[in-house]
């Protein structure tokens, strides 16, 4: 697990926070146990857990001035990949058609 970075305000690295939340969600341990092991207050883990849930629930992407939900963005990426694949197939078929039509004459 990544070490916490200490300074005047006792900030923690992103990796440290994510790992603390992940460990606290393990059915074999509790947030209080994980907090005790890491030397932090249990409320801190609950705060991080709430923040990550809120971010994942309300994550939006902006594309050409329009906000899309995470699911819509994933669908958009899948459709763009499909379009790229179809364009590639189309170019191949054009070249194959030109190649085979050249041999007939």
Protein backbone atom coordinates (compact mmCIF):
# COMPACT_ATOMS: atom_id res chain seq x y z
CA UNK A 1 0.00 0.00 0.00
CA UNK A 2 1.26 3.47 -0.84
CA UNK A 3 2.49 5.48 2.09
CA UNK A 4 0.67 8.55 3.22
CA UNK A 5 2.35 11.86 2.54
CA UNK A 6 2.49 14.04 5.61
CA UNK A 7 2.59 17.78 5.71
CA UNK A 8 1.00 20.51 7.78
CA UNK A 9 -2.53 19.42 6.78
CA UNK A 10 -1.84 15.64 6.74
CA UNK A 11 -2.91 15.03 3.13
CA UNK A 12 -2.96 11.47 1.84
CA UNK A 13 -2.13 10.21 -1.64
CA UNK A 14 -4.91 9.07 -3.93
CA UNK A 15 -3.55 5.51 -3.89
CA UNK A 16 -3.53 5.50 -0.09
CA UNK A 17 -7.17 6.65 0.06
CA UNK A 18 -8.39 4.18 -2.56
CA UNK A 19 -6.59 1.29 -0.88
CA UNK A 20 -7.98 2.25 2.54
CA UNK A 21 -11.53 2.31 1.12
CA UNK A 22 -10.99 -0.96 -0.74
CA UNK A 23 -9.69 -2.68 2.41
CA UNK A 24 -12.54 -1.28 4.52
CA UNK A 25 -15.10 -2.76 2.12
CA UNK A 26 -13.63 -6.25 2.53
CA UNK A 27 -16.18 -8.45 4.37
CA UNK A 28 -13.44 -9.76 6.68
CA UNK A 29 -12.55 -6.33 8.06
CA UNK A 30 -14.25 -3.12 9.10
CA UNK A 31 -13.48 0.52 8.51
CA UNK A 32 -12.58 0.87 12.19
CA UNK A 33 -10.03 -1.98 11.98
CA UNK A 34 -8.48 -0.60 8.79
CA UNK A 35 -8.33 2.91 10.28
CA UNK A 36 -6.60 1.57 13.39
CA UNK A 37 -4.05 -0.28 11.24
CA UNK A 38 -3.35 2.82 9.16
CA UNK A 39 -3.31 5.24 12.08
CA UNK A 40 -6.18 7.41 10.87
CA UNK A 41 -9.62 8.25 12.22
CA UNK A 42 -12.41 5.87 11.06
CA UNK A 43 -14.52 8.85 10.00
CA UNK A 44 -11.89 9.64 7.37
CA UNK A 45 -12.48 6.29 5.66
CA UNK A 46 -16.24 6.85 5.71
CA UNK A 47 -15.71 10.30 4.15
CA UNK A 48 -13.51 8.89 1.40
CA UNK A 49 -15.99 6.09 0.74
CA UNK A 50 -18.83 8.62 0.41
CA UNK A 51 -16.75 10.85 -1.89
CA UNK A 52 -15.84 7.97 -4.21
CA UNK A 53 -19.45 6.79 -4.36
CA UNK A 54 -20.65 10.30 -5.16
CA UNK A 55 -18.02 10.69 -7.89
CA UNK A 56 -18.84 7.35 -9.49
CA UNK A 57 -22.60 7.98 -9.35
CA UNK A 58 -22.42 11.47 -10.83
CA UNK A 59 -19.53 11.19 -13.22
CA UNK A 60 -20.22 13.14 -16.39
CA UNK A 61 -18.20 13.62 -19.53
CA UNK A 62 -18.46 16.59 -21.83
CA UNK A 63 -18.36 16.09 -25.57
CA UNK A 64 -18.77 19.05 -27.92
CA UNK A 65 -20.59 21.05 -25.27
CA UNK A 66 -23.03 18.26 -24.38
CA UNK A 67 -22.86 16.38 -21.09
CA UNK A 68 -23.20 12.62 -21.35
CA UNK A 69 -23.60 10.24 -18.46
CA UNK A 70 -20.93 7.59 -17.93
CA UNK A 71 -23.12 4.93 -19.58
CA UNK A 72 -23.84 7.13 -22.60
CA UNK A 73 -20.13 7.92 -22.91
CA UNK A 74 -19.29 4.21 -22.91
CA UNK A 75 -21.91 3.63 -25.61
CA UNK A 76 -20.48 6.54 -27.60
CA UNK A 77 -16.95 5.05 -27.41
CA UNK A 78 -18.27 1.64 -28.50
CA UNK A 79 -20.08 3.18 -31.46
CA UNK A 80 -16.97 5.14 -32.48
CA UNK A 81 -14.92 1.92 -32.35
CA UNK A 82 -17.54 0.17 -34.49
CA UNK A 83 -17.49 3.02 -37.03
CA UNK A 84 -13.70 2.87 -37.20
CA UNK A 85 -13.83 -0.91 -37.75
CA UNK A 86 -16.45 -0.53 -40.48
CA UNK A 87 -14.41 2.17 -42.22
CA UNK A 88 -11.37 -0.10 -42.15
CA UNK A 89 -13.40 -2.99 -43.60
CA UNK A 90 -14.81 -0.69 -46.27
CA UNK A 91 -11.33 0.45 -47.33
CA UNK A 92 -10.18 -3.17 -47.51
CA UNK A 93 -13.17 -4.12 -49.66
CA UNK A 94 -12.52 -1.18 -52.00
CA UNK A 95 -8.91 -2.28 -52.46
CA UNK A 96 -9.92 -5.93 -52.94
CA UNK A 97 -12.55 -4.95 -55.53
CA UNK A 98 -10.02 -2.85 -57.44
CA UNK A 99 -7.45 -5.66 -57.31
CA UNK A 100 -9.80 -8.38 -58.54
CA UNK A 101 -11.44 -6.21 -61.22
CA UNK A 102 -7.98 -5.32 -62.61
CA UNK A 103 -7.16 -9.01 -63.27
CA UNK A 104 -10.29 -9.64 -65.38
CA UNK A 105 -9.44 -7.20 -68.21
